[in-house]
Amino acid sequence: MRRAASGFTLIEVLVALAIAAIGLAAVLAVVTNTSRDAVYLRDRMLASWIGQNKLTELRLQATLPSVDKTSGELDYAGRKWKWQQAVTQTEVPGMRRIDVAVRFAESDEKDTVATVTGFVGRVQISAPARPTTWDLPLPTGGGGTNPSGGLTTTVPATGSSST
């Protein structure tokens, strides 16, 4: 009588290796895509920060920005970036629209990483300013409300308070 051989045949081993190779290729593709997406999102976030910084600079100016296109270059997060801003007049008097396009310094103008849009306007006050009085007299007696609506607490004359 012949004894049955134990172990795997060559075909079984080849099929197992093929299945493992397909599985590892799929895992590698997922890791590669995830890494590429993370780099893209980081670059897009940095570009949007640059655009928001440019908008903030214009909003902090004392005067409205002139209607024109400007551009510049800067180093940010270890990389060279180029930005271009276009200021246009809106239909509302005293309000301007600002579009800031940010891209890598080495890329073409059409390869924008992020575009940020914002508005800048003059502040208009419709009511006269009302002075704030901070030295209102506090009512005497136990806790209550003062004339401005806030809660007051009475402190003993010795200057100490109980907890």
C-alpha atoms as a PDB file:
ATOM      1  CA  MET A   1       0.000   0.000   0.000  1.00  0.00           C
ATOM      2  CA  ARG A   2       1.008   3.394  -0.840  1.00  0.00           C
ATOM      3  CA  ARG A   3       0.869   6.198   1.706  1.00  0.00           C
ATOM      4  CA  ALA A   4      -0.752   9.506   0.696  1.00  0.00           C
ATOM      5  CA  ALA A   5       1.715  12.343   0.457  1.00  0.00           C
ATOM      6  CA  SER A   6       1.189  15.228   2.839  1.00  0.00           C
ATOM      7  CA  GLY A   7       1.793  18.891   1.998  1.00  0.00           C
ATOM      8  CA  PHE A   8       0.861  21.271  -0.811  1.00  0.00           C
ATOM      9  CA  THR A   9       1.202  20.691  -4.483  1.00  0.00           C
ATOM     10  CA  LEU A  10       3.038  23.141  -6.693  1.00  0.00           C
ATOM     11  CA  ILE A  11      -0.202  24.422  -8.208  1.00  0.00           C
ATOM     12  CA  GLU A  12      -1.690  25.152  -4.767  1.00  0.00           C
ATOM     13  CA  VAL A  13       1.415  27.117  -3.805  1.00  0.00           C
ATOM     14  CA  LEU A  14       1.314  29.119  -7.064  1.00  0.00           C
ATOM     15  CA  VAL A  15      -2.388  29.942  -6.594  1.00  0.00           C
ATOM     16  CA  ALA A  16      -1.729  31.087  -3.017  1.00  0.00           C
ATOM     17  CA  LEU A  17       1.156  33.291  -4.152  1.00  0.00           C
ATOM     18  CA  ALA A  18      -0.989  34.811  -6.928  1.00  0.00           C
ATOM     19  CA  ILE A  19      -3.777  35.651  -4.434  1.00  0.00           C
ATOM     20  CA  ALA A  20      -1.243  37.188  -2.015  1.00  0.00           C
ATOM     21  CA  ALA A  21       0.324  39.255  -4.827  1.00  0.00           C
ATOM     22  CA  ILE A  22      -3.067  40.619  -5.915  1.00  0.00           C
ATOM     23  CA  GLY A  23      -3.923  41.512  -2.312  1.00  0.00           C
ATOM     24  CA  LEU A  24      -0.580  43.254  -1.733  1.00  0.00           C
ATOM     25  CA  ALA A  25      -0.946  45.190  -4.986  1.00  0.00           C
ATOM     26  CA  ALA A  26      -4.362  46.444  -3.853  1.00  0.00           C
ATOM     27  CA  VAL A  27      -2.968  47.494  -0.459  1.00  0.00           C
ATOM     28  CA  LEU A  28      -0.072  49.283  -2.153  1.00  0.00           C
ATOM     29  CA  ALA A  29      -2.489  51.164  -4.431  1.00  0.00           C
ATOM     30  CA  VAL A  30      -4.569  52.304  -1.443  1.00  0.00           C
ATOM     31  CA  VAL A  31      -1.484  53.491   0.453  1.00  0.00           C
ATOM     32  CA  THR A  32      -0.180  55.347  -2.607  1.00  0.00           C
ATOM     33  CA  ASN A  33      -3.521  57.086  -3.222  1.00  0.00           C
ATOM     34  CA  THR A  34      -3.838  58.045   0.443  1.00  0.00           C
ATOM     35  CA  SER A  35      -0.346  59.521   0.477  1.00  0.00           C
ATOM     36  CA  ARG A  36      -0.958  61.465  -2.751  1.00  0.00           C
ATOM     37  CA  ASP A  37      -4.280  62.799  -1.417  1.00  0.00           C
ATOM     38  CA  ALA A  38      -2.651  63.903   1.851  1.00  0.00           C
ATOM     39  CA  VAL A  39       0.026  65.869  -0.019  1.00  0.00           C
ATOM     40  CA  TYR A  40      -2.617  67.461  -2.275  1.00  0.00           C
ATOM     41  CA  LEU A  41      -4.781  68.472   0.686  1.00  0.00           C
ATOM     42  CA  ARG A  42      -1.766  69.913   2.546  1.00  0.00           C
ATOM     43  CA  ASP A  43      -0.784  72.011  -0.491  1.00  0.00           C
ATOM     44  CA  ARG A  44      -4.362  73.175  -0.997  1.00  0.00           C
ATOM     45  CA  MET A  45      -4.675  74.157   2.668  1.00  0.00           C
ATOM     46  CA  LEU A  46      -1.405  76.126   2.563  1.00  0.00           C
ATOM     47  CA  ALA A  47      -2.483  77.889  -0.644  1.00  0.00           C
ATOM     48  CA  SER A  48      -5.831  78.844   0.885  1.00  0.00           C
ATOM     49  CA  TRP A  49      -4.031  80.222   3.956  1.00  0.00           C
ATOM     50  CA  ILE A  50      -1.888  82.395   1.675  1.00  0.00           C
ATOM     51  CA  GLY A  51      -5.034  83.681  -0.072  1.00  0.00           C
ATOM     52  CA  GLN A  52      -6.794  84.364   3.225  1.00  0.00           C
ATOM     53  CA  ASN A  53      -3.722  86.232   4.500  1.00  0.00           C
ATOM     54  CA  LYS A  54      -3.800  88.463   1.407  1.00  0.00           C
ATOM     55  CA  LEU A  55      -7.500  89.168   1.978  1.00  0.00           C
ATOM     56  CA  THR A  56      -6.845  90.008   5.617  1.00  0.00           C
ATOM     57  CA  GLU A  57      -4.057  92.421   4.660  1.00  0.00           C
ATOM     58  CA  LEU A  58      -6.458  94.271   2.347  1.00  0.00           C
ATOM     59  CA  ARG A  59      -9.195  94.342   4.984  1.00  0.00           C
ATOM     60  CA  LEU A  60      -6.813  95.883   7.526  1.00  0.00           C
ATOM     61  CA  GLN A  61      -5.862  98.783   5.244  1.00  0.00           C
ATOM     62  CA  ALA A  62      -7.326 102.167   6.089  1.00  0.00           C
ATOM     63  CA  THR A  63      -8.537 102.712   2.515  1.00  0.00           C
ATOM     64  CA  LEU A  64     -10.287 100.555  -0.043  1.00  0.00           C
ATOM     65  CA  PRO A  65      -7.954  98.727  -2.435  1.00  0.00           C
ATOM     66  CA  SER A  66      -7.763 100.078  -5.963  1.00  0.00           C
ATOM     67  CA  VAL A  67      -9.528  98.204  -8.751  1.00  0.00           C
ATOM     68  CA  ASP A  68      -6.708  96.364 -10.515  1.00  0.00           C
ATOM     69  CA  LYS A  69      -4.683  93.154 -10.687  1.00  0.00           C
ATOM     70  CA  THR A  70      -1.547  92.596  -8.645  1.00  0.00           C
ATOM     71  CA  SER A  71       0.711  89.626  -8.116  1.00  0.00           C
ATOM     72  CA  GLY A  72       3.610  88.575  -5.998  1.00  0.00           C
ATOM     73  CA  GLU A  73       5.800  85.746  -4.825  1.00  0.00           C
ATOM     74  CA  LEU A  74       6.572  84.474  -1.354  1.00  0.00           C
ATOM     75  CA  ASP A  75       8.187  81.637   0.561  1.00  0.00           C
ATOM     76  CA  TYR A  76       5.726  79.802   2.763  1.00  0.00           C
ATOM     77  CA  ALA A  77       6.110  76.451   4.525  1.00  0.00           C
ATOM     78  CA  GLY A  78       9.406  75.735   2.803  1.00  0.00           C
ATOM     79  CA  ARG A  79       8.095  76.279  -0.710  1.00  0.00           C
ATOM     80  CA  LYS A  80       7.917  79.150  -3.221  1.00  0.00           C
ATOM     81  CA  TRP A  81       4.402  80.312  -4.089  1.00  0.00           C
ATOM     82  CA  LYS A  82       2.962  82.883  -6.488  1.00  0.00           C
ATOM     83  CA  TRP A  83      -0.298  84.718  -5.902  1.00  0.00           C
ATOM     84  CA  GLN A  84      -2.402  86.954  -8.096  1.00  0.00           C
ATOM     85  CA  GLN A  85      -5.229  89.103  -6.809  1.00  0.00           C
ATOM     86  CA  ALA A  86      -7.913  90.797  -8.835  1.00  0.00           C
ATOM     87  CA  VAL A  87      -9.907  93.599  -7.201  1.00  0.00           C
ATOM     88  CA  THR A  88     -13.205  94.457  -8.898  1.00  0.00           C
ATOM     89  CA  GLN A  89     -15.927  96.961  -8.078  1.00  0.00           C
ATOM     90  CA  THR A  90     -19.260  95.430  -7.077  1.00  0.00           C
ATOM     91  CA  GLU A  91     -22.711  96.859  -7.703  1.00  0.00           C
ATOM     92  CA  VAL A  92     -22.726  98.083  -4.104  1.00  0.00           C
ATOM     93  CA  PRO A  93     -20.974 101.443  -3.768  1.00  0.00           C
ATOM     94  CA  GLY A  94     -18.045 101.282  -1.378  1.00  0.00           C
ATOM     95  CA  MET A  95     -17.638  97.502  -1.649  1.00  0.00           C
ATOM     96  CA  ARG A  96     -15.011  95.614  -3.638  1.00  0.00           C
ATOM     97  CA  ARG A  97     -14.637  91.940  -4.535  1.00  0.00           C
ATOM     98  CA  ILE A  98     -11.213  90.357  -4.235  1.00  0.00           C
ATOM     99  CA  ASP A  99     -10.196  87.079  -5.904  1.00  0.00           C
ATOM    100  CA  VAL A 100      -6.816  85.685  -4.865  1.00  0.00           C
ATOM    101  CA  ALA A 101      -5.418  82.781  -6.908  1.00  0.00           C
ATOM    102  CA  VAL A 102      -2.432  80.909  -5.439  1.00  0.00           C
ATOM    103  CA  ARG A 103      -0.148  78.469  -7.256  1.00  0.00           C
ATOM    104  CA  PHE A 104       3.317  76.958  -7.019  1.00  0.00           C
ATOM    105  CA  ALA A 105       6.066  79.268  -8.290  1.00  0.00           C
ATOM    106  CA  GLU A 106       7.276  76.695 -10.823  1.00  0.00           C
ATOM    107  CA  SER A 107       3.834  75.929 -12.297  1.00  0.00           C
ATOM    108  CA  ASP A 108       1.880  77.645 -15.076  1.00  0.00           C
ATOM    109  CA  GLU A 109      -0.598  80.429 -14.377  1.00  0.00           C
ATOM    110  CA  LYS A 110      -3.547  78.168 -15.138  1.00  0.00           C
ATOM    111  CA  ASP A 111      -2.445  75.547 -12.561  1.00  0.00           C
ATOM    112  CA  THR A 112      -3.996  77.242  -9.542  1.00  0.00           C
ATOM    113  CA  VAL A 113      -3.860  75.290  -6.287  1.00  0.00           C
ATOM    114  CA  ALA A 114      -6.518  77.388  -4.491  1.00  0.00           C
ATOM    115  CA  THR A 115      -8.635  80.475  -5.120  1.00  0.00           C
ATOM    116  CA  VAL A 116     -10.016  82.566  -2.272  1.00  0.00           C
ATOM    117  CA  THR A 117     -12.742  85.166  -2.756  1.00  0.00           C
ATOM    118  CA  GLY A 118     -13.694  87.872  -0.284  1.00  0.00           C
ATOM    119  CA  PHE A 119     -15.211  91.308  -0.025  1.00  0.00           C
ATOM    120  CA  VAL A 120     -13.932  94.567   1.435  1.00  0.00           C
ATOM    121  CA  GLY A 121     -16.088  97.591   2.146  1.00  0.00           C
ATOM    122  CA  ARG A 122     -16.185 100.896   3.941  1.00  0.00           C
ATOM    123  CA  VAL A 123     -17.757 100.905   7.367  1.00  0.00           C
ATOM    124  CA  GLN A 124     -20.863 103.043   7.606  1.00  0.00           C
ATOM    125  CA  ILE A 125     -22.393 104.057  10.924  1.00  0.00           C
ATOM    126  CA  SER A 126     -26.104 104.784  10.813  1.00  0.00           C
ATOM    127  CA  ALA A 127     -26.500 105.843  14.454  1.00  0.00           C
ATOM    128  CA  PRO A 128     -24.342 108.207  16.478  1.00  0.00           C
ATOM    129  CA  ALA A 129     -21.931 106.549  18.868  1.00  0.00           C
ATOM    130  CA  ARG A 130     -23.220 106.258  22.435  1.00  0.00           C
ATOM    131  CA  PRO A 131     -20.656 106.628  25.212  1.00  0.00           C
ATOM    132  CA  THR A 132     -20.405 103.769  27.676  1.00  0.00           C
ATOM    133  CA  THR A 133     -20.493 104.698  31.344  1.00  0.00           C
ATOM    134  CA  TRP A 134     -18.394 102.330  33.391  1.00  0.00           C
ATOM    135  CA  ASP A 135     -18.724 104.083  36.747  1.00  0.00           C
ATOM    136  CA  LEU A 136     -22.397 103.442  37.519  1.00  0.00           C
ATOM    137  CA  PRO A 137     -23.183 103.423  41.248  1.00  0.00           C
ATOM    138  CA  LEU A 138     -23.908  99.964  42.626  1.00  0.00           C
ATOM    139  CA  PRO A 139     -27.115  99.524  44.655  1.00  0.00           C
ATOM    140  CA  THR A 140     -26.737  98.959  48.365  1.00  0.00           C
ATOM    141  CA  GLY A 141     -27.902  95.785  50.052  1.00  0.00           C
ATOM    142  CA  GLY A 142     -27.612  92.104  49.171  1.00  0.00           C
ATOM    143  CA  GLY A 143     -27.058  90.660  45.745  1.00  0.00           C
ATOM    144  CA  GLY A 144     -29.223  92.090  43.043  1.00  0.00           C
ATOM    145  CA  THR A 145     -28.922  93.701  39.673  1.00  0.00           C
ATOM    146  CA  ASN A 146     -27.253  96.977  38.834  1.00  0.00           C
ATOM    147  CA  PRO A 147     -28.781  99.513  36.428  1.00  0.00           C
ATOM    148  CA  SER A 148     -27.003  97.945  33.438  1.00  0.00           C
ATOM    149  CA  GLY A 149     -28.601  94.565  34.155  1.00  0.00           C
ATOM    150  CA  GLY A 150     -25.550  92.802  35.594  1.00  0.00           C
ATOM    151  CA  LEU A 151     -25.557  90.818  38.839  1.00  0.00           C
ATOM    152  CA  THR A 152     -23.904  92.495  41.829  1.00  0.00           C
ATOM    153  CA  THR A 153     -22.518  91.009  45.023  1.00  0.00           C
ATOM    154  CA  THR A 154     -22.059  92.774  48.332  1.00  0.00           C
ATOM    155  CA  VAL A 155     -18.652  92.427  49.977  1.00  0.00           C
ATOM    156  CA  PRO A 156     -18.329  92.943  53.767  1.00  0.00           C
ATOM    157  CA  ALA A 157     -16.666  96.173  54.911  1.00  0.00           C
ATOM    158  CA  THR A 158     -13.567  94.321  56.155  1.00  0.00           C
ATOM    159  CA  GLY A 159     -12.653  93.510  52.567  1.00  0.00           C
ATOM    160  CA  SER A 160     -12.852  89.767  53.032  1.00  0.00           C
ATOM    161  CA  SER A 161     -15.453  87.623  51.407  1.00  0.00           C
ATOM    162  CA  SER A 162     -16.829  84.278  52.444  1.00  0.00           C
ATOM    163  CA  THR A 163     -16.802  81.330  50.101  1.00  0.00           C
END
